[in-house]
Amino acid sequence: MNNTSCPLCSSREFVDFHKDDSRQYLRCEICRLIFVPREYHLSSTDEKSHYDQHENSPDDPGYRRFLGRLFEPMNGRVTAGSRGLDFGSGPGPTLSVMFEEVGHDVSIYDPFYAPDDTLLDRQYDFVTASEVVEHLCNPSEDLHRIWNCVKPGGLLGIMTKQALDQASFPKWHYKNDPTHVSFFSRHTFSWLAAIWSAELTLLGSDVILLAKIRRN
């Protein structure tokens, strides 16, 4: 604990937020990220083994409906034939397929299943990160790298369940996934938008759009 700092804003101002039989959760008092200390994180091998159990597929209409909560508002905001990146595409890329079906050109990146780092050195009209940010052990580094992939005037779309208050958190199923280590709230996304000078749009409880303002 003595060397612990917030993995998003690097602050050492945090409080004990919750503790269960499996691990501890801390909340940063600056950006309000709720995070699991590193000693509770899975190894890379165990993390991948967990993801290997996922059975998501573009052939699953239920999964498509789920992703539609992010796809629909983003597709309505980007121009036809845009170039995109799906960051954290997972073992069964689907969101990229949905965008390609309507005429966009989408690359996929995943540190386990599509680890082509050269894709992160380019910029795109839009970037998606669906059910990704809650897995980030180094959200500051990873999110800034993702944000740098967005062109000026472009759009970053995130899907993640926003953290609940302290009274509701103990019964929140989302925290029980052992690969979920970073939990974002409305306050956290507002903080991030201010740091990036981005235009923030929150849709429902789990869709976040961040537009990169084009500077003259």
C-alpha atoms as a PDB file:
ATOM      1  CA  MET A   1       0.000   0.000   0.000  1.00  0.00           C
ATOM      2  CA  ASN A   2       2.861   2.390   0.710  1.00  0.00           C
ATOM      3  CA  ASN A   3       3.875   2.435  -2.956  1.00  0.00           C
ATOM      4  CA  THR A   4       0.364   2.380  -4.346  1.00  0.00           C
ATOM      5  CA  SER A   5      -0.770   5.189  -6.605  1.00  0.00           C
ATOM      6  CA  CYS A   6      -3.766   5.605  -8.864  1.00  0.00           C
ATOM      7  CA  PRO A   7      -3.074   3.847 -12.197  1.00  0.00           C
ATOM      8  CA  LEU A   8      -4.984   6.557 -14.062  1.00  0.00           C
ATOM      9  CA  CYS A   9      -3.883   9.891 -12.574  1.00  0.00           C
ATOM     10  CA  SER A  10      -0.936   8.762 -10.390  1.00  0.00           C
ATOM     11  CA  SER A  11      -2.415  10.376  -7.282  1.00  0.00           C
ATOM     12  CA  ARG A  12      -1.644   8.874  -3.893  1.00  0.00           C
ATOM     13  CA  GLU A  13      -4.893  10.235  -2.503  1.00  0.00           C
ATOM     14  CA  PHE A  14      -7.113   7.187  -2.300  1.00  0.00           C
ATOM     15  CA  VAL A  15      -9.408   5.496   0.171  1.00  0.00           C
ATOM     16  CA  ASP A  16     -10.395   1.928   0.954  1.00  0.00           C
ATOM     17  CA  PHE A  17     -13.596   1.490  -1.013  1.00  0.00           C
ATOM     18  CA  HIS A  18     -14.445  -2.186  -0.576  1.00  0.00           C
ATOM     19  CA  LYS A  19     -12.906  -5.519   0.339  1.00  0.00           C
ATOM     20  CA  ASP A  20     -14.293  -8.995  -0.223  1.00  0.00           C
ATOM     21  CA  ASP A  21     -12.952 -12.529   0.125  1.00  0.00           C
ATOM     22  CA  SER A  22     -11.019 -12.249  -3.141  1.00  0.00           C
ATOM     23  CA  ARG A  23      -9.457  -8.807  -3.262  1.00  0.00           C
ATOM     24  CA  GLN A  24      -9.387  -5.158  -2.266  1.00  0.00           C
ATOM     25  CA  TYR A  25     -10.772  -2.123  -4.095  1.00  0.00           C
ATOM     26  CA  LEU A  26      -9.443   1.411  -3.689  1.00  0.00           C
ATOM     27  CA  ARG A  27     -10.947   4.671  -4.930  1.00  0.00           C
ATOM     28  CA  CYS A  28      -8.851   7.596  -6.082  1.00  0.00           C
ATOM     29  CA  GLU A  29      -9.994  10.866  -4.572  1.00  0.00           C
ATOM     30  CA  ILE A  30      -8.835  12.878  -7.611  1.00  0.00           C
ATOM     31  CA  CYS A  31     -10.165  11.072 -10.712  1.00  0.00           C
ATOM     32  CA  ARG A  32     -12.482   8.729  -8.756  1.00  0.00           C
ATOM     33  CA  LEU A  33     -11.248   5.612 -10.513  1.00  0.00           C
ATOM     34  CA  ILE A  34     -11.958   2.500  -8.442  1.00  0.00           C
ATOM     35  CA  PHE A  35      -9.047   0.115  -8.890  1.00  0.00           C
ATOM     36  CA  VAL A  36      -7.757  -3.227  -7.692  1.00  0.00           C
ATOM     37  CA  PRO A  37      -4.163  -3.147  -6.349  1.00  0.00           C
ATOM     38  CA  ARG A  38      -1.624  -4.980  -8.484  1.00  0.00           C
ATOM     39  CA  GLU A  39      -1.047  -7.797  -6.025  1.00  0.00           C
ATOM     40  CA  TYR A  40      -4.545  -9.067  -6.842  1.00  0.00           C
ATOM     41  CA  HIS A  41      -4.131  -9.021 -10.640  1.00  0.00           C
ATOM     42  CA  LEU A  42      -4.048 -12.271 -12.580  1.00  0.00           C
ATOM     43  CA  SER A  43      -0.920 -13.324 -14.438  1.00  0.00           C
ATOM     44  CA  SER A  44      -0.991 -12.821 -18.215  1.00  0.00           C
ATOM     45  CA  THR A  45      -1.360 -16.573 -18.670  1.00  0.00           C
ATOM     46  CA  ASP A  46      -4.353 -16.814 -16.336  1.00  0.00           C
ATOM     47  CA  GLU A  47      -5.888 -13.694 -17.854  1.00  0.00           C
ATOM     48  CA  LYS A  48      -5.722 -15.135 -21.364  1.00  0.00           C
ATOM     49  CA  SER A  49      -7.114 -18.459 -20.149  1.00  0.00           C
ATOM     50  CA  HIS A  50     -10.124 -16.550 -18.848  1.00  0.00           C
ATOM     51  CA  TYR A  51     -10.628 -14.783 -22.196  1.00  0.00           C
ATOM     52  CA  ASP A  52     -10.255 -18.058 -24.087  1.00  0.00           C
ATOM     53  CA  GLN A  53     -13.537 -19.131 -22.502  1.00  0.00           C
ATOM     54  CA  HIS A  54     -15.443 -16.310 -24.210  1.00  0.00           C
ATOM     55  CA  GLU A  55     -17.708 -17.481 -27.014  1.00  0.00           C
ATOM     56  CA  ASN A  56     -18.596 -14.160 -28.607  1.00  0.00           C
ATOM     57  CA  SER A  57     -19.191 -14.310 -32.349  1.00  0.00           C
ATOM     58  CA  PRO A  58     -20.636 -12.144 -35.157  1.00  0.00           C
ATOM     59  CA  ASP A  59     -23.060 -15.026 -35.731  1.00  0.00           C
ATOM     60  CA  ASP A  60     -24.661 -14.413 -32.321  1.00  0.00           C
ATOM     61  CA  PRO A  61     -27.624 -12.010 -32.736  1.00  0.00           C
ATOM     62  CA  GLY A  62     -27.756 -11.382 -28.974  1.00  0.00           C
ATOM     63  CA  TYR A  63     -24.141 -10.260 -28.917  1.00  0.00           C
ATOM     64  CA  ARG A  64     -24.802  -8.018 -31.915  1.00  0.00           C
ATOM     65  CA  ARG A  65     -27.709  -6.395 -30.070  1.00  0.00           C
ATOM     66  CA  PHE A  66     -25.478  -5.828 -27.070  1.00  0.00           C
ATOM     67  CA  LEU A  67     -22.776  -4.175 -29.199  1.00  0.00           C
ATOM     68  CA  GLY A  68     -25.447  -2.196 -31.001  1.00  0.00           C
ATOM     69  CA  ARG A  69     -25.621   0.128 -27.994  1.00  0.00           C
ATOM     70  CA  LEU A  70     -22.183   1.392 -29.004  1.00  0.00           C
ATOM     71  CA  PHE A  71     -22.352   0.733 -32.736  1.00  0.00           C
ATOM     72  CA  GLU A  72     -25.541   2.684 -33.465  1.00  0.00           C
ATOM     73  CA  PRO A  73     -24.568   6.053 -31.926  1.00  0.00           C
ATOM     74  CA  MET A  74     -21.050   5.852 -33.331  1.00  0.00           C
ATOM     75  CA  ASN A  75     -22.152   4.881 -36.817  1.00  0.00           C
ATOM     76  CA  GLY A  76     -24.540   7.822 -36.755  1.00  0.00           C
ATOM     77  CA  ARG A  77     -21.699  10.223 -35.955  1.00  0.00           C
ATOM     78  CA  VAL A  78     -18.932   9.123 -38.342  1.00  0.00           C
ATOM     79  CA  THR A  79     -18.902   9.809 -42.068  1.00  0.00           C
ATOM     80  CA  ALA A  80     -19.422   7.082 -44.653  1.00  0.00           C
ATOM     81  CA  GLY A  81     -16.367   5.019 -45.486  1.00  0.00           C
ATOM     82  CA  SER A  82     -14.454   6.002 -42.361  1.00  0.00           C
ATOM     83  CA  ARG A  83     -11.365   4.205 -41.159  1.00  0.00           C
ATOM     84  CA  GLY A  84     -11.551   2.704 -37.674  1.00  0.00           C
ATOM     85  CA  LEU A  85      -9.721   0.625 -35.104  1.00  0.00           C
ATOM     86  CA  ASP A  86     -11.344  -1.852 -32.732  1.00  0.00           C
ATOM     87  CA  PHE A  87      -9.023  -1.912 -29.702  1.00  0.00           C
ATOM     88  CA  GLY A  88      -9.347  -5.069 -27.614  1.00  0.00           C
ATOM     89  CA  SER A  89     -11.255  -7.017 -30.232  1.00  0.00           C
ATOM     90  CA  GLY A  90     -11.027 -10.273 -28.269  1.00  0.00           C
ATOM     91  CA  PRO A  91     -11.071 -13.841 -29.600  1.00  0.00           C
ATOM     92  CA  GLY A  92     -14.244 -13.312 -31.642  1.00  0.00           C
ATOM     93  CA  PRO A  93     -14.113  -9.878 -33.342  1.00  0.00           C
ATOM     94  CA  THR A  94     -17.661  -8.696 -33.983  1.00  0.00           C
ATOM     95  CA  LEU A  95     -17.900  -4.921 -33.643  1.00  0.00           C
ATOM     96  CA  SER A  96     -15.400  -4.513 -36.483  1.00  0.00           C
ATOM     97  CA  VAL A  97     -17.565  -6.769 -38.664  1.00  0.00           C
ATOM     98  CA  MET A  98     -20.646  -4.653 -37.931  1.00  0.00           C
ATOM     99  CA  PHE A  99     -18.834  -1.485 -39.026  1.00  0.00           C
ATOM    100  CA  GLU A 100     -17.453  -3.169 -42.145  1.00  0.00           C
ATOM    101  CA  GLU A 101     -20.931  -4.342 -43.108  1.00  0.00           C
ATOM    102  CA  VAL A 102     -22.020  -0.708 -43.453  1.00  0.00           C
ATOM    103  CA  GLY A 103     -18.971   0.340 -45.463  1.00  0.00           C
ATOM    104  CA  HIS A 104     -16.253   1.320 -42.983  1.00  0.00           C
ATOM    105  CA  ASP A 105     -12.677   0.002 -43.045  1.00  0.00           C
ATOM    106  CA  VAL A 106     -11.760  -1.361 -39.616  1.00  0.00           C
ATOM    107  CA  SER A 107      -8.521  -2.817 -38.248  1.00  0.00           C
ATOM    108  CA  ILE A 108      -8.486  -4.957 -35.111  1.00  0.00           C
ATOM    109  CA  TYR A 109      -5.988  -4.914 -32.268  1.00  0.00           C
ATOM    110  CA  ASP A 110      -5.838  -7.128 -29.211  1.00  0.00           C
ATOM    111  CA  PRO A 111      -2.781  -7.726 -26.992  1.00  0.00           C
ATOM    112  CA  PHE A 112      -3.564 -11.467 -26.889  1.00  0.00           C
ATOM    113  CA  TYR A 113      -5.336 -12.288 -30.156  1.00  0.00           C
ATOM    114  CA  ALA A 114      -4.240  -9.638 -32.674  1.00  0.00           C
ATOM    115  CA  PRO A 115      -1.054  -8.091 -31.227  1.00  0.00           C
ATOM    116  CA  ASP A 116       0.085  -5.898 -34.124  1.00  0.00           C
ATOM    117  CA  ASP A 117       1.526  -2.865 -32.341  1.00  0.00           C
ATOM    118  CA  THR A 118       2.141  -1.055 -35.631  1.00  0.00           C
ATOM    119  CA  LEU A 119      -1.621  -0.405 -35.770  1.00  0.00           C
ATOM    120  CA  LEU A 120      -1.254   1.762 -32.653  1.00  0.00           C
ATOM    121  CA  ASP A 121       1.178   4.065 -34.446  1.00  0.00           C
ATOM    122  CA  ARG A 122      -1.536   5.216 -36.864  1.00  0.00           C
ATOM    123  CA  GLN A 123      -4.550   7.497 -36.540  1.00  0.00           C
ATOM    124  CA  TYR A 124      -8.156   6.677 -37.317  1.00  0.00           C
ATOM    125  CA  ASP A 125     -11.465   8.437 -37.841  1.00  0.00           C
ATOM    126  CA  PHE A 126     -12.858   6.406 -34.967  1.00  0.00           C
ATOM    127  CA  VAL A 127     -11.637   3.966 -32.339  1.00  0.00           C
ATOM    128  CA  THR A 128     -13.792   1.558 -30.332  1.00  0.00           C
ATOM    129  CA  ALA A 129     -13.009  -0.118 -27.002  1.00  0.00           C
ATOM    130  CA  SER A 130     -15.950  -2.312 -26.063  1.00  0.00           C
ATOM    131  CA  GLU A 131     -15.736  -4.038 -22.667  1.00  0.00           C
ATOM    132  CA  VAL A 132     -12.019  -3.215 -22.557  1.00  0.00           C
ATOM    133  CA  VAL A 133     -11.173  -0.411 -20.134  1.00  0.00           C
ATOM    134  CA  GLU A 134     -12.239  -2.373 -17.056  1.00  0.00           C
ATOM    135  CA  HIS A 135      -9.447  -4.856 -17.890  1.00  0.00           C
ATOM    136  CA  LEU A 136      -6.659  -2.264 -18.111  1.00  0.00           C
ATOM    137  CA  CYS A 137      -3.889  -2.660 -15.543  1.00  0.00           C
ATOM    138  CA  ASN A 138      -2.238   0.547 -16.764  1.00  0.00           C
ATOM    139  CA  PRO A 139      -5.199   2.706 -17.804  1.00  0.00           C
ATOM    140  CA  SER A 140      -3.174   5.913 -17.983  1.00  0.00           C
ATOM    141  CA  GLU A 141      -0.689   4.494 -20.487  1.00  0.00           C
ATOM    142  CA  ASP A 142      -3.226   2.486 -22.459  1.00  0.00           C
ATOM    143  CA  LEU A 143      -5.917   5.148 -22.688  1.00  0.00           C
ATOM    144  CA  HIS A 144      -3.486   7.834 -23.758  1.00  0.00           C
ATOM    145  CA  ARG A 145      -2.151   5.489 -26.419  1.00  0.00           C
ATOM    146  CA  ILE A 146      -5.684   4.798 -27.626  1.00  0.00           C
ATOM    147  CA  TRP A 147      -6.517   8.514 -27.606  1.00  0.00           C
ATOM    148  CA  ASN A 148      -3.441   9.243 -29.728  1.00  0.00           C
ATOM    149  CA  CYS A 149      -4.904   6.878 -32.339  1.00  0.00           C
ATOM    150  CA  VAL A 150      -7.910   9.176 -32.797  1.00  0.00           C
ATOM    151  CA  LYS A 151      -7.569  11.810 -35.513  1.00  0.00           C
ATOM    152  CA  PRO A 152      -8.447  15.430 -34.711  1.00  0.00           C
ATOM    153  CA  GLY A 153     -12.184  15.577 -35.300  1.00  0.00           C
ATOM    154  CA  GLY A 154     -12.427  11.839 -34.675  1.00  0.00           C
ATOM    155  CA  LEU A 155     -14.335   9.808 -32.120  1.00  0.00           C
ATOM    156  CA  LEU A 156     -13.479   7.333 -29.367  1.00  0.00           C
ATOM    157  CA  GLY A 157     -16.299   5.032 -28.298  1.00  0.00           C
ATOM    158  CA  ILE A 158     -16.084   3.106 -25.030  1.00  0.00           C
ATOM    159  CA  MET A 159     -18.458   0.554 -23.579  1.00  0.00           C
ATOM    160  CA  THR A 160     -18.075  -0.318 -19.904  1.00  0.00           C
ATOM    161  CA  LYS A 161     -20.397  -0.465 -16.926  1.00  0.00           C
ATOM    162  CA  GLN A 162     -20.037   2.699 -14.867  1.00  0.00           C
ATOM    163  CA  ALA A 163     -19.140   2.148 -11.238  1.00  0.00           C
ATOM    164  CA  LEU A 164     -21.850   2.169  -8.619  1.00  0.00           C
ATOM    165  CA  ASP A 165     -21.844   4.040  -5.320  1.00  0.00           C
ATOM    166  CA  GLN A 166     -20.237   2.526  -2.238  1.00  0.00           C
ATOM    167  CA  ALA A 167     -23.503   1.219  -0.829  1.00  0.00           C
ATOM    168  CA  SER A 168     -24.377  -0.677  -4.031  1.00  0.00           C
ATOM    169  CA  PHE A 169     -20.880  -1.804  -4.980  1.00  0.00           C
ATOM    170  CA  PRO A 170     -20.735  -4.981  -2.804  1.00  0.00           C
ATOM    171  CA  LYS A 171     -23.598  -6.581  -4.768  1.00  0.00           C
ATOM    172  CA  TRP A 172     -22.432  -5.371  -8.190  1.00  0.00           C
ATOM    173  CA  HIS A 173     -21.817  -8.426 -10.416  1.00  0.00           C
ATOM    174  CA  TYR A 174     -19.403  -6.524 -12.679  1.00  0.00           C
ATOM    175  CA  LYS A 175     -16.713  -6.393 -10.003  1.00  0.00           C
ATOM    176  CA  ASN A 176     -16.694 -10.189  -9.637  1.00  0.00           C
ATOM    177  CA  ASP A 177     -14.887 -10.880 -12.909  1.00  0.00           C
ATOM    178  CA  PRO A 178     -11.250 -11.472 -11.843  1.00  0.00           C
ATOM    179  CA  THR A 179      -9.987  -9.725 -15.004  1.00  0.00           C
ATOM    180  CA  HIS A 180     -11.887  -6.518 -14.157  1.00  0.00           C
ATOM    181  CA  VAL A 181      -9.450  -4.273 -12.290  1.00  0.00           C
ATOM    182  CA  SER A 182     -10.391  -0.681 -13.244  1.00  0.00           C
ATOM    183  CA  PHE A 183     -13.874   0.737 -12.713  1.00  0.00           C
ATOM    184  CA  PHE A 184     -14.828   4.090 -14.182  1.00  0.00           C
ATOM    185  CA  SER A 185     -17.587   6.447 -13.047  1.00  0.00           C
ATOM    186  CA  ARG A 186     -19.231   9.469 -14.623  1.00  0.00           C
ATOM    187  CA  HIS A 187     -16.818  11.616 -12.608  1.00  0.00           C
ATOM    188  CA  THR A 188     -13.833   9.652 -13.977  1.00  0.00           C
ATOM    189  CA  PHE A 189     -14.892  10.124 -17.580  1.00  0.00           C
ATOM    190  CA  SER A 190     -15.505  13.826 -16.952  1.00  0.00           C
ATOM    191  CA  TRP A 191     -12.001  14.086 -15.491  1.00  0.00           C
ATOM    192  CA  LEU A 192     -10.548  12.278 -18.499  1.00  0.00           C
ATOM    193  CA  ALA A 193     -12.447  14.498 -20.952  1.00  0.00           C
ATOM    194  CA  ALA A 194     -11.091  17.593 -19.202  1.00  0.00           C
ATOM    195  CA  ILE A 195      -7.513  16.260 -19.377  1.00  0.00           C
ATOM    196  CA  TRP A 196      -7.928  15.562 -23.093  1.00  0.00           C
ATOM    197  CA  SER A 197     -10.001  18.695 -23.858  1.00  0.00           C
ATOM    198  CA  ALA A 198     -12.500  16.271 -25.395  1.00  0.00           C
ATOM    199  CA  GLU A 199     -16.245  16.577 -25.905  1.00  0.00           C
ATOM    200  CA  LEU A 200     -17.932  13.981 -23.687  1.00  0.00           C
ATOM    201  CA  THR A 201     -21.258  12.264 -24.339  1.00  0.00           C
ATOM    202  CA  LEU A 202     -22.635   9.669 -21.896  1.00  0.00           C
ATOM    203  CA  LEU A 203     -25.382   7.385 -23.193  1.00  0.00           C
ATOM    204  CA  GLY A 204     -27.164   5.209 -20.660  1.00  0.00           C
ATOM    205  CA  SER A 205     -25.115   3.394 -18.046  1.00  0.00           C
ATOM    206  CA  ASP A 206     -22.372   1.969 -20.247  1.00  0.00           C
ATOM    207  CA  VAL A 207     -21.717   3.938 -23.460  1.00  0.00           C
ATOM    208  CA  ILE A 208     -19.201   6.768 -23.479  1.00  0.00           C
ATOM    209  CA  LEU A 209     -18.274   8.868 -26.520  1.00  0.00           C
ATOM    210  CA  LEU A 210     -15.258  11.175 -26.523  1.00  0.00           C
ATOM    211  CA  ALA A 211     -14.823  13.461 -29.521  1.00  0.00           C
ATOM    212  CA  LYS A 212     -11.368  14.871 -30.253  1.00  0.00           C
ATOM    213  CA  ILE A 213     -11.861  18.553 -31.006  1.00  0.00           C
ATOM    214  CA  ARG A 214     -10.109  19.717 -34.154  1.00  0.00           C
ATOM    215  CA  ARG A 215      -7.835  22.669 -33.443  1.00  0.00           C
ATOM    216  CA  ASN A 216      -7.159  25.405 -36.006  1.00  0.00           C
END
